[in-house]
């Protein structure tokens, strides 16, 4: 469950949602879409975000605006958290009807709001604009509902007037098979160093274990375990070539929990042992490596 900050509480009805949360990275909501606009500020955390047709790495400090209807989610790296093992973010959600009411009540905002409403792709604000938006969002944590409403108008003006924006995702035609494979790829990329079971993966994409196994084999012509091992061995190759870790450390750092099994899988996929691979790619004397 999300740990709500006390400043999320309201005195009564509100015209938009202000959500400030700290939570375990694994508790972040999965891929979803909604009928509202969403302004998201990552206070602390890093990983991979999936928005519409685009998946990209993200880092702390970014501010993203997502129009209604575009599927999105953030996959957080469990190794990048605060001292309590949590990530933090602020999200403001508002609907198009609110934008229309603001434009009707404040003639001065009519043109900026029309520019904002014309946005049909998710956008990432440049660092200067992101800093200004995040300053307002952080102050809203301690404001009353009435004060938040004033800050919201400032957010609208700033969001619509920023000229430096980067498209980070657009709506796409749904392809259920490709979408599932994308979710699997991102999940494995983010969690390969940790334990991943068939049940975990099946549950993540909303299937039972048997159906998932049949789906994955039909779509990729390989089992999920083979796919996972291939990904982990590729990661192990990077560690062997780039870092001064013992081979046992590389085994665990790439997601394996059994050194003999790691050695067997590595040799089957790469044709050589991890030690021989390291020698060929780093020029180091493998005799000093500890298994």
Protein backbone atom coordinates (compact mmCIF):
# COMPACT_ATOMS: atom_id res chain seq x y z
CA UNK A 1 0.00 0.00 0.00
CA UNK A 2 1.12 3.56 -0.58
CA UNK A 3 2.25 5.49 2.48
CA UNK A 4 0.28 8.70 2.26
CA UNK A 5 1.84 11.88 3.61
CA UNK A 6 -0.42 13.74 6.01
CA UNK A 7 -0.50 16.68 3.57
CA UNK A 8 -2.54 14.56 1.16
CA UNK A 9 -5.54 14.96 3.43
CA UNK A 10 -8.17 17.49 2.37
CA UNK A 11 -10.71 19.63 4.18
CA UNK A 12 -13.45 18.89 1.67
CA UNK A 13 -14.16 18.39 -2.03
CA UNK A 14 -11.28 19.28 -4.35
CA UNK A 15 -11.19 19.92 -8.08
CA UNK A 16 -7.95 18.00 -8.68
CA UNK A 17 -5.90 15.28 -6.95
CA UNK A 18 -2.58 16.04 -5.26
CA UNK A 19 -0.76 12.84 -4.31
CA UNK A 20 2.55 12.87 -2.40
CA UNK A 21 3.78 9.36 -1.57
CA UNK A 22 6.67 7.33 -0.23
CA UNK A 23 6.49 3.62 -1.02
CA UNK A 24 8.45 0.47 -1.63
CA UNK A 25 9.57 0.34 -5.29
CA UNK A 26 7.65 -2.91 -5.83
CA UNK A 27 4.40 -1.27 -4.69
CA UNK A 28 4.34 1.26 -7.51
CA UNK A 29 1.23 0.79 -9.64
CA UNK A 30 1.70 -1.23 -12.84
CA UNK A 31 0.82 -0.29 -16.42
CA UNK A 32 -2.42 1.69 -16.46
CA UNK A 33 -4.20 4.55 -18.18
CA UNK A 34 -6.82 7.01 -17.03
CA UNK A 35 -9.24 9.67 -18.24
CA UNK A 36 -7.37 12.47 -16.44
CA UNK A 37 -4.20 14.40 -17.14
CA UNK A 38 -1.24 13.47 -14.94
CA UNK A 39 1.73 15.62 -13.92
CA UNK A 40 4.37 13.43 -12.24
CA UNK A 41 7.51 14.54 -10.41
CA UNK A 42 10.06 11.90 -9.35
CA UNK A 43 11.57 13.12 -6.09
CA UNK A 44 13.69 10.06 -5.43
CA UNK A 45 14.20 6.96 -7.53
CA UNK A 46 15.51 5.70 -10.84
CA UNK A 47 14.63 2.94 -13.31
CA UNK A 48 12.72 2.55 -16.57
CA UNK A 49 9.46 4.24 -17.51
CA UNK A 50 7.02 2.95 -20.10
CA UNK A 51 4.72 5.57 -21.63
CA UNK A 52 2.66 4.73 -24.69
CA UNK A 53 5.00 3.51 -27.40
CA UNK A 54 8.26 4.42 -25.62
CA UNK A 55 10.34 2.91 -22.82
CA UNK A 56 13.33 4.90 -21.51
CA UNK A 57 15.50 5.17 -18.39
CA UNK A 58 14.48 7.84 -15.89
CA UNK A 59 16.14 9.49 -12.93
CA UNK A 60 15.27 11.64 -9.93
CA UNK A 61 14.16 15.18 -10.71
CA UNK A 62 12.27 14.62 -13.94
CA UNK A 63 8.78 16.06 -14.44
CA UNK A 64 6.44 14.42 -16.96
CA UNK A 65 3.00 15.45 -18.26
CA UNK A 66 0.80 12.62 -19.55
CA UNK A 67 -2.44 13.40 -21.45
CA UNK A 68 -5.55 11.27 -20.84
CA UNK A 69 -5.69 7.74 -22.22
CA UNK A 70 -1.98 7.03 -22.68
CA UNK A 71 -0.84 3.83 -20.86
CA UNK A 72 2.11 4.39 -18.53
CA UNK A 73 4.08 3.03 -15.60
CA UNK A 74 7.38 3.50 -13.81
CA UNK A 75 9.56 0.48 -12.96
CA UNK A 76 11.81 1.52 -10.08
CA UNK A 77 15.24 0.10 -9.35
CA UNK A 78 15.02 -1.47 -5.89
CA UNK A 79 18.67 -0.59 -5.26
CA UNK A 80 18.09 3.18 -5.47
CA UNK A 81 15.97 4.22 -2.50
CA UNK A 82 16.08 6.43 0.58
CA UNK A 83 17.42 5.17 3.91
CA UNK A 84 14.10 3.40 4.56
CA UNK A 85 14.10 1.56 1.22
CA UNK A 86 11.45 3.78 -0.39
CA UNK A 87 11.05 5.93 -3.48
CA UNK A 88 9.12 9.22 -3.47
CA UNK A 89 7.03 11.08 -6.02
CA UNK A 90 4.35 13.73 -6.38
CA UNK A 91 1.46 13.36 -8.83
CA UNK A 92 -1.21 15.90 -9.73
CA UNK A 93 -4.25 14.59 -11.62
CA UNK A 94 -6.86 16.81 -13.25
CA UNK A 95 -9.50 16.41 -15.94
CA UNK A 96 -10.20 18.35 -19.12
CA UNK A 97 -13.44 19.66 -17.64
CA UNK A 98 -11.40 21.51 -15.00
CA UNK A 99 -9.24 23.05 -17.73
CA UNK A 100 -12.39 24.23 -19.50
CA UNK A 101 -13.78 25.77 -16.29
CA UNK A 102 -10.49 27.57 -15.62
CA UNK A 103 -10.45 28.95 -19.18
CA UNK A 104 -14.07 30.11 -18.77
CA UNK A 105 -13.47 31.80 -15.40
CA UNK A 106 -10.09 33.36 -16.25
CA UNK A 107 -9.95 34.86 -19.72
CA UNK A 108 -6.22 35.41 -19.24
CA UNK A 109 -5.72 31.63 -19.09
CA UNK A 110 -7.84 30.75 -22.12
CA UNK A 111 -5.02 30.70 -24.67
CA UNK A 112 -2.44 28.93 -22.45
CA UNK A 113 -5.01 26.27 -21.59
CA UNK A 114 -5.88 25.75 -25.26
CA UNK A 115 -2.17 25.19 -25.93
CA UNK A 116 -2.05 22.70 -23.10
CA UNK A 117 -5.15 20.87 -24.33
CA UNK A 118 -3.58 20.49 -27.77
CA UNK A 119 -0.88 18.28 -26.27
CA UNK A 120 -1.49 14.74 -27.54
CA UNK A 121 1.78 13.10 -26.42
CA UNK A 122 3.49 12.64 -23.07
CA UNK A 123 6.20 15.27 -22.60
CA UNK A 124 9.25 15.70 -20.39
CA UNK A 125 10.06 19.25 -19.37
CA UNK A 126 13.55 20.69 -19.74
CA UNK A 127 15.58 20.96 -16.53
CA UNK A 128 14.90 24.66 -15.94
CA UNK A 129 11.14 24.22 -16.29
CA UNK A 130 11.23 20.98 -14.28
CA UNK A 131 13.01 22.79 -11.44
CA UNK A 132 10.37 25.53 -11.42
CA UNK A 133 7.50 23.03 -11.52
CA UNK A 134 9.05 20.89 -8.79
CA UNK A 135 9.50 23.95 -6.54
CA UNK A 136 5.75 24.59 -6.73
CA UNK A 137 4.92 20.92 -6.21
CA UNK A 138 7.13 20.66 -3.14
CA UNK A 139 5.55 23.76 -1.61
CA UNK A 140 2.09 22.28 -2.21
CA UNK A 141 2.92 19.49 0.28
CA UNK A 142 2.34 21.88 3.19
CA UNK A 143 -0.36 24.10 1.70
CA UNK A 144 -4.05 24.20 2.50
CA UNK A 145 -6.54 23.17 -0.18
CA UNK A 146 -7.20 26.84 -1.05
CA UNK A 147 -3.46 27.51 -1.37
CA UNK A 148 -3.05 24.40 -3.51
CA UNK A 149 -5.72 25.75 -5.89
CA UNK A 150 -3.69 28.93 -6.42
CA UNK A 151 -0.53 26.89 -6.98
CA UNK A 152 -2.40 24.70 -9.47
CA UNK A 153 -3.14 27.76 -11.64
CA UNK A 154 0.57 28.59 -11.62
CA UNK A 155 1.32 25.02 -12.68
CA UNK A 156 -1.12 25.29 -15.60
CA UNK A 157 0.49 28.49 -16.84
CA UNK A 158 4.00 27.07 -16.54
CA UNK A 159 3.11 23.74 -18.21
CA UNK A 160 1.53 25.46 -21.20
CA UNK A 161 4.23 28.11 -21.68
CA UNK A 162 7.28 25.85 -21.68
CA UNK A 163 8.84 25.84 -25.15
CA UNK A 164 11.50 23.25 -24.35
CA UNK A 165 9.79 19.88 -24.18
CA UNK A 166 10.73 16.36 -25.22
CA UNK A 167 8.15 13.81 -26.36
CA UNK A 168 8.55 10.67 -24.22
CA UNK A 169 5.56 8.61 -25.38
CA UNK A 170 2.55 8.65 -27.68
CA UNK A 171 -0.67 6.72 -27.94
CA UNK A 172 -0.39 3.56 -30.00
CA UNK A 173 -2.68 0.93 -31.38
CA UNK A 174 -2.97 -1.91 -28.89
CA UNK A 175 -1.25 -5.20 -29.71
CA UNK A 176 -1.83 -7.52 -26.80
CA UNK A 177 1.00 -9.93 -27.59
CA UNK A 178 3.58 -7.19 -28.17
CA UNK A 179 2.41 -5.36 -25.05
CA UNK A 180 2.88 -8.45 -22.91
CA UNK A 181 6.35 -9.06 -24.37
CA UNK A 182 7.29 -5.42 -23.70
CA UNK A 183 6.14 -5.74 -20.10
CA UNK A 184 8.16 -8.95 -19.72
CA UNK A 185 11.27 -7.37 -21.23
CA UNK A 186 11.08 -4.33 -18.94
CA UNK A 187 10.33 -6.42 -15.85
CA UNK A 188 13.30 -8.71 -16.51
CA UNK A 189 15.60 -5.75 -17.21
CA UNK A 190 14.63 -4.12 -13.92
CA UNK A 191 14.62 -7.28 -11.78
CA UNK A 192 17.18 -9.66 -13.33
CA UNK A 193 19.52 -9.30 -10.37
CA UNK A 194 16.79 -10.51 -8.01
CA UNK A 195 14.82 -13.74 -7.83
CA UNK A 196 12.19 -14.05 -10.59
CA UNK A 197 9.83 -17.01 -10.60
CA UNK A 198 7.38 -18.10 -13.26
CA UNK A 199 4.58 -17.24 -10.85
CA UNK A 200 6.00 -13.72 -10.38
CA UNK A 201 6.14 -13.12 -14.13
CA UNK A 202 2.72 -14.62 -14.85
CA UNK A 203 1.13 -12.55 -12.09
CA UNK A 204 2.82 -9.37 -13.36
CA UNK A 205 1.16 -9.61 -16.78
CA UNK A 206 -2.16 -10.95 -15.48
CA UNK A 207 -1.99 -14.61 -16.53
CA UNK A 208 -1.87 -17.92 -14.68
CA UNK A 209 1.39 -19.86 -14.76
CA UNK A 210 0.36 -22.48 -17.32
CA UNK A 211 -1.11 -19.94 -19.74
CA UNK A 212 1.97 -17.76 -19.40
CA UNK A 213 4.33 -20.64 -20.24
CA UNK A 214 2.30 -21.53 -23.35
CA UNK A 215 2.08 -17.88 -24.44
CA UNK A 216 5.79 -17.18 -24.00
CA UNK A 217 6.94 -20.35 -25.80
CA UNK A 218 4.60 -19.67 -28.72
CA UNK A 219 5.62 -15.99 -28.99
CA UNK A 220 9.41 -16.46 -28.65
CA UNK A 221 10.07 -20.12 -29.48
CA UNK A 222 11.90 -20.50 -26.17
CA UNK A 223 10.97 -21.01 -22.53
CA UNK A 224 10.92 -18.09 -20.13
CA UNK A 225 13.73 -19.66 -18.07
CA UNK A 226 15.91 -19.84 -21.20
CA UNK A 227 15.13 -16.18 -21.96
CA UNK A 228 15.88 -15.15 -18.37
CA UNK A 229 19.16 -17.08 -18.33
CA UNK A 230 20.22 -15.51 -21.64
CA UNK A 231 19.57 -12.04 -20.22
CA UNK A 232 21.47 -12.81 -17.04
CA UNK A 233 24.43 -14.29 -18.92
CA UNK A 234 24.61 -11.15 -21.10
CA UNK A 235 24.70 -9.13 -17.87
CA UNK A 236 27.41 -11.44 -16.49
CA UNK A 237 29.49 -10.88 -19.64
CA UNK A 238 29.36 -7.13 -19.07
CA UNK A 239 30.43 -7.56 -15.45
CA UNK A 240 33.25 -9.93 -16.38
CA UNK A 241 34.61 -7.56 -19.01
CA UNK A 242 34.12 -4.26 -17.19
CA UNK A 243 34.46 -4.84 -13.43
CA UNK A 244 37.05 -6.35 -11.12
CA UNK A 245 34.67 -8.77 -9.40
CA UNK A 246 35.37 -12.37 -8.54
CA UNK A 247 33.48 -14.83 -10.70
CA UNK A 248 31.38 -15.85 -7.69
CA UNK A 249 30.46 -12.18 -7.21
CA UNK A 250 29.52 -11.94 -10.90
CA UNK A 251 27.34 -15.03 -10.48
CA UNK A 252 25.28 -13.44 -7.71
CA UNK A 253 25.31 -9.94 -9.20
CA UNK A 254 23.76 -11.24 -12.43
CA UNK A 255 20.88 -12.98 -10.64
CA UNK A 256 22.12 -16.57 -10.21
CA UNK A 257 22.17 -18.13 -6.75
CA UNK A 258 24.19 -21.25 -7.56
CA UNK A 259 27.76 -21.05 -8.85
CA UNK A 260 27.97 -24.51 -10.51
CA UNK A 261 24.67 -23.86 -12.30
CA UNK A 262 25.92 -20.41 -13.38
CA UNK A 263 29.10 -21.99 -14.79
CA UNK A 264 27.11 -24.64 -16.70
CA UNK A 265 24.66 -22.15 -18.18
CA UNK A 266 27.46 -19.74 -19.10
CA UNK A 267 29.44 -22.41 -20.94
CA UNK A 268 26.35 -23.72 -22.71
CA UNK A 269 25.41 -20.26 -24.00
CA UNK A 270 28.88 -18.79 -24.63
CA UNK A 271 30.90 -21.90 -25.40
CA UNK A 272 33.56 -21.09 -22.79
CA UNK A 273 33.76 -20.86 -19.02
CA UNK A 274 33.36 -17.48 -17.28
CA UNK A 275 37.07 -17.49 -16.47
CA UNK A 276 38.08 -18.08 -20.09
CA UNK A 277 35.65 -15.39 -21.23
CA UNK A 278 37.17 -12.91 -18.80
CA UNK A 279 40.69 -13.71 -19.93
CA UNK A 280 39.73 -13.23 -23.58
CA UNK A 281 37.97 -9.92 -22.96
CA UNK A 282 40.11 -8.30 -20.27
CA UNK A 283 43.58 -9.78 -20.67
CA UNK A 284 43.70 -10.55 -16.97
CA UNK A 285 45.26 -13.64 -15.43
CA UNK A 286 42.23 -15.62 -14.31
CA UNK A 287 44.28 -17.84 -12.01
CA UNK A 288 43.95 -15.23 -9.28
CA UNK A 289 40.16 -15.11 -9.48
CA UNK A 290 38.22 -16.58 -6.57
CA UNK A 291 35.34 -18.95 -7.28
